[in-house]
Amino acid sequence: MLLALRLEQPVLLCGEAVPVDRPDVAERFEKEMLLALGNRSQVILWLKRTARYFPYIEQNLRENDLPDDLKFLALAESALRMHAGSPKGAMGVWQLMPQTAINYGLVVNDSFDERRNLYLSTPAALAYLKDLYGRFGSWNLSLAAYNMGEEGLEAEILEQGINDYYRLYLSLETQRFILRILAIKRIVESPGKYGFSLSAEDLYPPETFSTIQIDAFGDLPLRLIAGAARTDFKTIKDLNPELRGYYLAAGARMVNIPENGRSGFQTRLAAMIEADAKIRNQRVYLVKPGDNLSRISQKFDVPIAALLIWNRIGVDAVIQPGQRLVIYPATGEKMTAREAIQDDVDQ
């Protein structure tokens, strides 16, 4: 193991030398290597996921004339997990903060969080990295700024009078950051050297899907999109991790669906939307005095959580007499929604 930690010089990251001849830098690197290698299950997941996502990232790096080593930043930030989040509010594979994502053209709101989508967030993250390099003129400093914020790094450079990442006193997290990326690079590029032997069959295959445009005139249930795509709700959510909740917000939107669901999709979707509208009109319940969500849920034998989803209301919502709720009763319903409305009319 100790032999595997030794580095032949020069050691490069993004084409820039890492001064591993300095004892403090060598120690920081060895620490990151040992921590990474101590979590073998995590390394195996790194290796398996790189086969699925690195080809897309590498293509974008080439097209933007950026160092290939930047792909290891994504592993360091999120282990290539779409829904990775931080206590500070960073999200997605590239761990972008909300305002940074918005500044670089991503949508972050109650309906969409495009930071969660690798194919949407990668161009934004690379544009941000390119701007950081233009600002600092060094990839080591640019990656440090990516981790701690550009203004914070600039303040430290001004105060300490040093613009060498390896000589700057920064937060412990940022002091580790570049060496962690280097450790990940060394392990992923030579897994056999560290005892990892995976065959091509062990790796996760790249994702395959078709992208179609949906023009929604109102909020559209994702279950209808799934049905029209001849798949399930989970598959639509997995292929479109930026979609939040159970509905596609009104407007024009590009959505990923399974390739085998593309043919005839728009026709099936239009028919399902029309059928669902008719069903919803027949499933409207008029709230009566004394009603609450718990009582209505028992009356129609459906979970309260389902009522919240169908009617786009929060768990703390207070319903009022005369309010209309859409309800899809369970098989053993005690009373149909149409009968419930008719009771009100007869009274």
Protein backbone atom coordinates (compact mmCIF):
# COMPACT_ATOMS: atom_id res chain seq x y z
CA MET A 1 0.00 0.00 0.00
CA LEU A 2 2.77 2.46 0.92
CA LEU A 3 4.52 1.80 -2.39
CA ALA A 4 1.27 2.61 -4.20
CA LEU A 5 1.18 6.05 -2.55
CA ARG A 6 4.54 7.11 -3.91
CA LEU A 7 4.41 9.58 -6.77
CA GLU A 8 6.75 9.80 -9.70
CA GLN A 9 7.45 13.42 -10.54
CA PRO A 10 6.29 15.54 -12.19
CA VAL A 11 2.74 15.20 -10.88
CA LEU A 12 0.23 17.17 -12.92
CA LEU A 13 -3.38 18.18 -12.41
CA CYS A 14 -5.02 20.06 -15.27
CA GLY A 15 -1.54 20.40 -16.77
CA GLU A 16 -0.19 22.22 -13.71
CA ALA A 17 2.53 20.85 -11.43
CA VAL A 18 1.60 19.66 -7.94
CA PRO A 19 4.61 20.21 -5.64
CA VAL A 20 4.58 16.78 -4.00
CA ASP A 21 8.28 17.19 -3.23
CA ARG A 22 7.16 19.45 -0.39
CA PRO A 23 6.56 17.35 2.75
CA ASP A 24 3.34 19.15 3.71
CA VAL A 25 1.82 18.68 0.24
CA ALA A 26 2.90 15.03 0.12
CA GLU A 27 1.27 14.46 3.50
CA ARG A 28 -1.97 16.11 2.41
CA PHE A 29 -2.04 13.95 -0.72
CA GLU A 30 -1.35 10.73 1.19
CA LYS A 31 -4.14 11.54 3.62
CA GLU A 32 -6.65 11.92 0.78
CA MET A 33 -5.44 8.70 -0.85
CA LEU A 34 -5.77 6.71 2.36
CA LEU A 35 -9.21 8.13 3.13
CA ALA A 36 -10.44 7.31 -0.36
CA LEU A 37 -8.93 3.82 -0.41
CA GLY A 38 -10.38 3.15 3.04
CA ASN A 39 -13.86 3.43 1.55
CA ARG A 40 -13.60 0.72 -1.08
CA SER A 41 -17.33 0.52 -1.73
CA GLN A 42 -17.34 4.22 -2.65
CA VAL A 43 -14.41 3.75 -5.05
CA ILE A 44 -16.23 0.87 -6.75
CA LEU A 45 -19.24 3.14 -7.27
CA TRP A 46 -16.96 5.85 -8.69
CA LEU A 47 -15.55 3.40 -11.20
CA LYS A 48 -18.94 2.02 -12.20
CA ARG A 49 -20.54 5.46 -12.63
CA THR A 50 -17.69 6.92 -14.68
CA ALA A 51 -18.61 4.60 -17.55
CA ARG A 52 -22.12 6.06 -17.59
CA TYR A 53 -21.38 9.77 -17.21
CA PHE A 54 -17.75 10.54 -18.09
CA PRO A 55 -18.20 10.20 -21.88
CA TYR A 56 -20.65 13.13 -21.87
CA ILE A 57 -18.47 15.24 -19.57
CA GLU A 58 -15.33 14.47 -21.60
CA GLN A 59 -17.06 15.47 -24.81
CA ASN A 60 -18.07 18.81 -23.31
CA LEU A 61 -14.55 19.41 -22.02
CA ARG A 62 -13.10 18.79 -25.48
CA GLU A 63 -15.65 21.07 -27.13
CA ASN A 64 -14.76 23.85 -24.67
CA ASP A 65 -11.00 23.28 -24.91
CA LEU A 66 -10.80 22.63 -21.16
CA PRO A 67 -8.50 20.19 -19.31
CA ASP A 68 -9.78 16.63 -19.22
CA ASP A 69 -8.86 16.41 -15.53
CA LEU A 70 -11.81 18.65 -14.68
CA LYS A 71 -14.04 15.60 -14.95
CA PHE A 72 -12.63 14.43 -11.60
CA LEU A 73 -14.09 17.55 -10.00
CA ALA A 74 -17.54 16.03 -10.50
CA LEU A 75 -16.49 12.90 -8.60
CA ALA A 76 -15.00 14.95 -5.78
CA GLU A 77 -18.11 17.11 -5.50
CA SER A 78 -20.90 14.54 -5.72
CA ALA A 79 -19.61 11.04 -6.58
CA LEU A 80 -21.65 11.61 -9.78
CA ARG A 81 -24.98 11.60 -7.91
CA MET A 82 -27.74 13.68 -9.49
CA HIS A 83 -29.48 14.55 -6.22
CA ALA A 84 -26.40 15.17 -4.07
CA GLY A 85 -26.97 18.20 -1.86
CA SER A 86 -25.01 20.14 0.72
CA PRO A 87 -26.10 21.96 3.91
CA LYS A 88 -25.08 25.23 2.24
CA GLY A 89 -27.56 24.71 -0.62
CA ALA A 90 -25.31 23.32 -3.37
CA MET A 91 -26.98 20.69 -5.52
CA GLY A 92 -26.36 18.18 -8.28
CA VAL A 93 -23.33 16.51 -9.83
CA TRP A 94 -21.44 19.81 -9.97
CA GLN A 95 -22.71 21.10 -6.59
CA LEU A 96 -23.71 24.49 -7.93
CA MET A 97 -25.18 27.07 -5.58
CA PRO A 98 -28.61 28.40 -6.62
CA GLN A 99 -27.49 31.89 -7.67
CA THR A 100 -24.46 30.59 -9.54
CA ALA A 101 -26.67 28.17 -11.45
CA ILE A 102 -29.12 30.94 -12.33
CA ASN A 103 -26.26 33.23 -13.39
CA TYR A 104 -25.18 30.57 -15.88
CA GLY A 105 -28.59 30.00 -17.38
CA LEU A 106 -30.08 27.19 -15.32
CA VAL A 107 -33.63 27.20 -13.98
CA VAL A 108 -33.95 26.79 -10.21
CA ASN A 109 -37.46 27.21 -8.83
CA ASP A 110 -40.33 25.25 -7.28
CA SER A 111 -40.98 23.33 -10.51
CA PHE A 112 -37.49 22.71 -11.88
CA ASP A 113 -33.97 22.40 -10.49
CA GLU A 114 -31.75 21.97 -13.51
CA ARG A 115 -28.68 21.54 -11.29
CA ARG A 116 -29.90 17.95 -10.80
CA ASN A 117 -29.66 17.18 -14.51
CA LEU A 118 -26.13 16.31 -15.66
CA TYR A 119 -26.87 17.13 -19.30
CA LEU A 120 -28.17 20.60 -18.44
CA SER A 121 -25.79 21.49 -15.61
CA THR A 122 -22.51 20.41 -17.20
CA PRO A 123 -22.36 23.25 -19.76
CA ALA A 124 -23.16 25.75 -16.97
CA ALA A 125 -20.51 24.34 -14.64
CA LEU A 126 -17.87 24.39 -17.39
CA ALA A 127 -18.73 27.98 -18.30
CA TYR A 128 -18.29 28.91 -14.65
CA LEU A 129 -14.93 27.12 -14.49
CA LYS A 130 -13.79 28.86 -17.65
CA ASP A 131 -14.66 32.24 -16.12
CA LEU A 132 -12.82 31.33 -12.91
CA TYR A 133 -9.70 30.49 -14.91
CA GLY A 134 -9.97 33.80 -16.71
CA ARG A 135 -10.11 35.49 -13.32
CA PHE A 136 -7.31 33.60 -11.51
CA GLY A 137 -5.09 32.33 -14.36
CA SER A 138 -4.46 29.03 -12.59
CA TRP A 139 -6.49 25.83 -12.44
CA ASN A 140 -5.41 25.15 -8.86
CA LEU A 141 -6.73 28.54 -7.79
CA SER A 142 -9.81 28.20 -10.02
CA LEU A 143 -10.74 24.90 -8.38
CA ALA A 144 -10.14 26.42 -4.95
CA ALA A 145 -12.44 29.30 -5.89
CA TYR A 146 -15.04 26.81 -7.13
CA ASN A 147 -14.97 25.23 -3.68
CA MET A 148 -14.91 28.33 -1.45
CA GLY A 149 -16.16 31.15 -3.66
CA GLU A 150 -14.17 33.51 -5.81
CA GLU A 151 -14.50 36.57 -3.57
CA GLY A 152 -13.39 34.64 -0.50
CA LEU A 153 -10.32 33.36 -2.33
CA GLU A 154 -9.46 36.81 -3.66
CA ALA A 155 -9.66 38.20 -0.14
CA GLU A 156 -7.22 35.57 1.13
CA ILE A 157 -4.82 36.23 -1.74
CA LEU A 158 -4.86 39.96 -1.01
CA GLU A 159 -4.46 39.53 2.74
CA GLN A 160 -1.73 36.88 2.60
CA GLY A 161 0.09 38.36 -0.40
CA ILE A 162 0.39 34.93 -2.04
CA ASN A 163 -1.32 33.55 -5.15
CA ASP A 164 0.02 29.97 -4.88
CA TYR A 165 -2.72 27.56 -3.81
CA TYR A 166 -0.27 25.25 -2.03
CA ARG A 167 1.12 28.10 0.09
CA LEU A 168 -2.18 29.77 0.96
CA TYR A 169 -3.76 29.24 4.36
CA LEU A 170 -7.40 28.49 3.52
CA SER A 171 -10.26 26.67 5.20
CA LEU A 172 -9.41 23.04 5.95
CA GLU A 173 -11.97 21.90 3.38
CA THR A 174 -10.40 23.98 0.62
CA GLN A 175 -6.86 23.00 1.64
CA ARG A 176 -7.91 19.38 1.10
CA PHE A 177 -9.90 19.97 -2.06
CA ILE A 178 -7.25 19.94 -4.79
CA LEU A 179 -5.39 17.00 -3.21
CA ARG A 180 -8.68 15.10 -2.99
CA ILE A 181 -9.25 15.64 -6.71
CA LEU A 182 -5.70 14.46 -7.39
CA ALA A 183 -6.24 11.33 -5.27
CA ILE A 184 -9.45 10.54 -7.14
CA LYS A 185 -7.67 10.99 -10.46
CA ARG A 186 -4.85 8.62 -9.46
CA ILE A 187 -7.26 5.90 -8.31
CA VAL A 188 -9.69 6.12 -11.22
CA GLU A 189 -6.94 6.20 -13.86
CA SER A 190 -5.14 3.16 -12.39
CA PRO A 191 -7.66 1.16 -10.34
CA GLY A 192 -5.73 -2.10 -10.69
CA LYS A 193 -2.77 -0.54 -8.93
CA TYR A 194 -4.94 -0.14 -5.84
CA GLY A 195 -6.63 -3.53 -5.92
CA PHE A 196 -9.76 -2.78 -7.97
CA SER A 197 -10.50 -5.10 -10.88
CA LEU A 198 -13.72 -4.40 -12.75
CA SER A 199 -14.64 -5.81 -16.15
CA ALA A 200 -16.63 -3.95 -18.80
CA GLU A 201 -19.71 -5.94 -17.73
CA ASP A 202 -19.34 -4.56 -14.19
CA LEU A 203 -19.67 -0.93 -15.31
CA TYR A 204 -22.94 0.98 -15.57
CA PRO A 205 -23.91 1.49 -19.23
CA PRO A 206 -24.51 5.00 -20.60
CA GLU A 207 -28.09 6.25 -20.41
CA THR A 208 -30.16 6.05 -23.56
CA PHE A 209 -33.29 8.12 -24.14
CA SER A 210 -35.13 10.31 -26.61
CA THR A 211 -35.81 13.99 -25.98
CA ILE A 212 -39.19 15.36 -27.01
CA GLN A 213 -40.90 18.72 -26.60
CA ILE A 214 -44.09 18.89 -24.57
CA ASP A 215 -46.32 21.95 -24.85
CA ALA A 216 -48.39 21.91 -21.68
CA PHE A 217 -51.28 24.38 -21.46
CA GLY A 218 -51.59 23.68 -17.76
CA ASP A 219 -49.66 21.77 -15.13
CA LEU A 220 -49.42 18.26 -16.52
CA PRO A 221 -49.30 15.15 -14.28
CA LEU A 222 -46.09 13.22 -14.87
CA ARG A 223 -48.06 9.98 -14.70
CA LEU A 224 -49.71 10.96 -18.00
CA ILE A 225 -46.31 11.58 -19.59
CA ALA A 226 -45.19 8.20 -18.29
CA GLY A 227 -48.25 6.50 -19.72
CA ALA A 228 -47.83 8.16 -23.11
CA ALA A 229 -44.15 7.12 -23.10
CA ARG A 230 -45.15 3.54 -22.29
CA THR A 231 -43.16 3.55 -19.08
CA ASP A 232 -43.61 4.32 -15.40
CA PHE A 233 -43.49 7.44 -13.23
CA LYS A 234 -40.11 6.49 -11.74
CA THR A 235 -38.46 6.20 -15.14
CA ILE A 236 -39.63 9.68 -16.13
CA LYS A 237 -38.31 11.10 -12.85
CA ASP A 238 -35.00 9.27 -13.24
CA LEU A 239 -34.52 10.49 -16.81
CA ASN A 240 -35.51 14.03 -15.81
CA PRO A 241 -34.12 14.55 -12.29
CA GLU A 242 -34.67 18.31 -12.61
CA LEU A 243 -38.46 17.85 -12.46
CA ARG A 244 -39.75 18.58 -8.97
CA GLY A 245 -42.95 17.10 -7.63
CA TYR A 246 -45.62 15.27 -9.59
CA TYR A 247 -46.39 17.76 -12.37
CA LEU A 248 -44.73 19.31 -15.40
CA ALA A 249 -45.26 23.07 -15.14
CA ALA A 250 -47.24 24.75 -17.92
CA GLY A 251 -45.27 25.85 -20.96
CA ALA A 252 -42.94 24.33 -23.53
CA ARG A 253 -40.42 21.90 -22.09
CA MET A 254 -37.95 19.34 -23.42
CA VAL A 255 -38.44 16.03 -21.63
CA ASN A 256 -36.46 12.79 -21.82
CA ILE A 257 -38.39 9.56 -22.37
CA PRO A 258 -37.38 5.97 -23.19
CA GLU A 259 -36.44 5.54 -26.83
CA ASN A 260 -39.11 2.91 -27.40
CA GLY A 261 -41.81 5.35 -26.25
CA ARG A 262 -41.11 8.07 -28.79
CA SER A 263 -43.14 6.77 -31.73
CA GLY A 264 -46.75 7.94 -31.36
CA PHE A 265 -46.00 9.70 -28.07
CA GLN A 266 -47.72 13.02 -28.86
CA THR A 267 -50.90 11.27 -30.06
CA ARG A 268 -51.07 9.10 -26.97
CA LEU A 269 -50.38 12.05 -24.69
CA ALA A 270 -53.14 14.17 -26.23
CA ALA A 271 -55.62 11.32 -25.83
CA MET A 272 -54.58 10.72 -22.21
CA ILE A 273 -54.86 14.41 -21.34
CA GLU A 274 -58.38 14.53 -22.78
CA ALA A 275 -59.42 11.37 -20.94
CA ASP A 276 -57.90 12.59 -17.67
CA ALA A 277 -59.75 15.91 -17.93
CA LYS A 278 -63.07 14.05 -18.25
CA ILE A 279 -62.25 11.86 -15.27
CA ARG A 280 -61.21 14.86 -13.15
CA ASN A 281 -64.51 16.59 -13.91
CA GLN A 282 -66.33 13.51 -12.60
CA ARG A 283 -64.15 13.30 -9.49
CA VAL A 284 -64.73 16.73 -7.98
CA TYR A 285 -65.80 16.76 -4.35
CA LEU A 286 -67.42 19.87 -2.86
CA VAL A 287 -66.12 20.42 0.67
CA LYS A 288 -68.90 20.52 3.26
CA PRO A 289 -69.02 22.33 6.63
CA GLY A 290 -67.11 20.30 9.21
CA ASP A 291 -64.97 18.54 6.58
CA ASN A 292 -61.23 18.23 6.96
CA LEU A 293 -58.63 16.30 4.99
CA SER A 294 -58.62 13.43 7.48
CA ARG A 295 -62.41 12.99 7.28
CA ILE A 296 -62.44 13.19 3.48
CA SER A 297 -59.58 10.72 3.28
CA GLN A 298 -61.55 8.23 5.41
CA LYS A 299 -64.74 8.83 3.44
CA PHE A 300 -63.13 7.93 0.13
CA ASP A 301 -60.64 5.42 1.55
CA VAL A 302 -57.60 7.21 0.13
CA PRO A 303 -54.42 8.45 1.87
CA ILE A 304 -54.24 12.10 2.87
CA ALA A 305 -50.93 12.27 0.98
CA ALA A 306 -52.81 11.39 -2.22
CA LEU A 307 -55.28 14.24 -1.64
CA LEU A 308 -52.34 16.63 -1.32
CA ILE A 309 -50.81 15.43 -4.59
CA TRP A 310 -54.05 15.48 -6.59
CA ASN A 311 -54.94 18.99 -5.44
CA ARG A 312 -51.49 20.61 -5.28
CA ILE A 313 -51.90 21.63 -1.64
CA GLY A 314 -49.51 21.51 1.30
CA VAL A 315 -49.74 19.29 4.33
CA ASP A 316 -50.73 22.27 6.48
CA ALA A 317 -53.44 23.46 4.10
CA VAL A 318 -56.79 24.45 5.62
CA ILE A 319 -59.75 23.58 3.40
CA GLN A 320 -62.96 25.64 3.36
CA PRO A 321 -66.62 24.76 2.72
CA GLY A 322 -67.41 25.15 -0.96
CA GLN A 323 -63.84 24.36 -2.02
CA ARG A 324 -63.56 21.76 -4.76
CA LEU A 325 -61.17 18.85 -4.39
CA VAL A 326 -60.25 16.31 -7.06
CA ILE A 327 -60.43 12.78 -5.69
CA TYR A 328 -59.69 9.46 -7.37
CA PRO A 329 -61.45 7.05 -4.98
CA ALA A 330 -59.98 3.67 -4.10
CA THR A 331 -61.62 0.50 -5.40
CA GLY A 332 -63.66 0.05 -2.26
CA GLU A 333 -64.98 3.63 -2.21
CA LYS A 334 -67.85 4.35 0.14
CA MET A 335 -69.31 7.08 -2.05
CA THR A 336 -68.43 8.43 -5.48
CA ALA A 337 -67.38 12.02 -5.87
CA ARG A 338 -70.31 12.67 -8.22
CA GLU A 339 -72.73 11.37 -5.58
CA ALA A 340 -71.07 13.63 -3.01
CA ILE A 341 -71.72 16.71 -5.14
CA GLN A 342 -75.27 15.54 -5.88
CA ASP A 343 -75.91 15.29 -2.10
CA ASP A 344 -75.04 18.96 -1.79
CA VAL A 345 -77.37 19.88 -4.65
CA ASP A 346 -80.27 17.88 -3.18
CA GLN A 347 -79.82 19.48 0.22
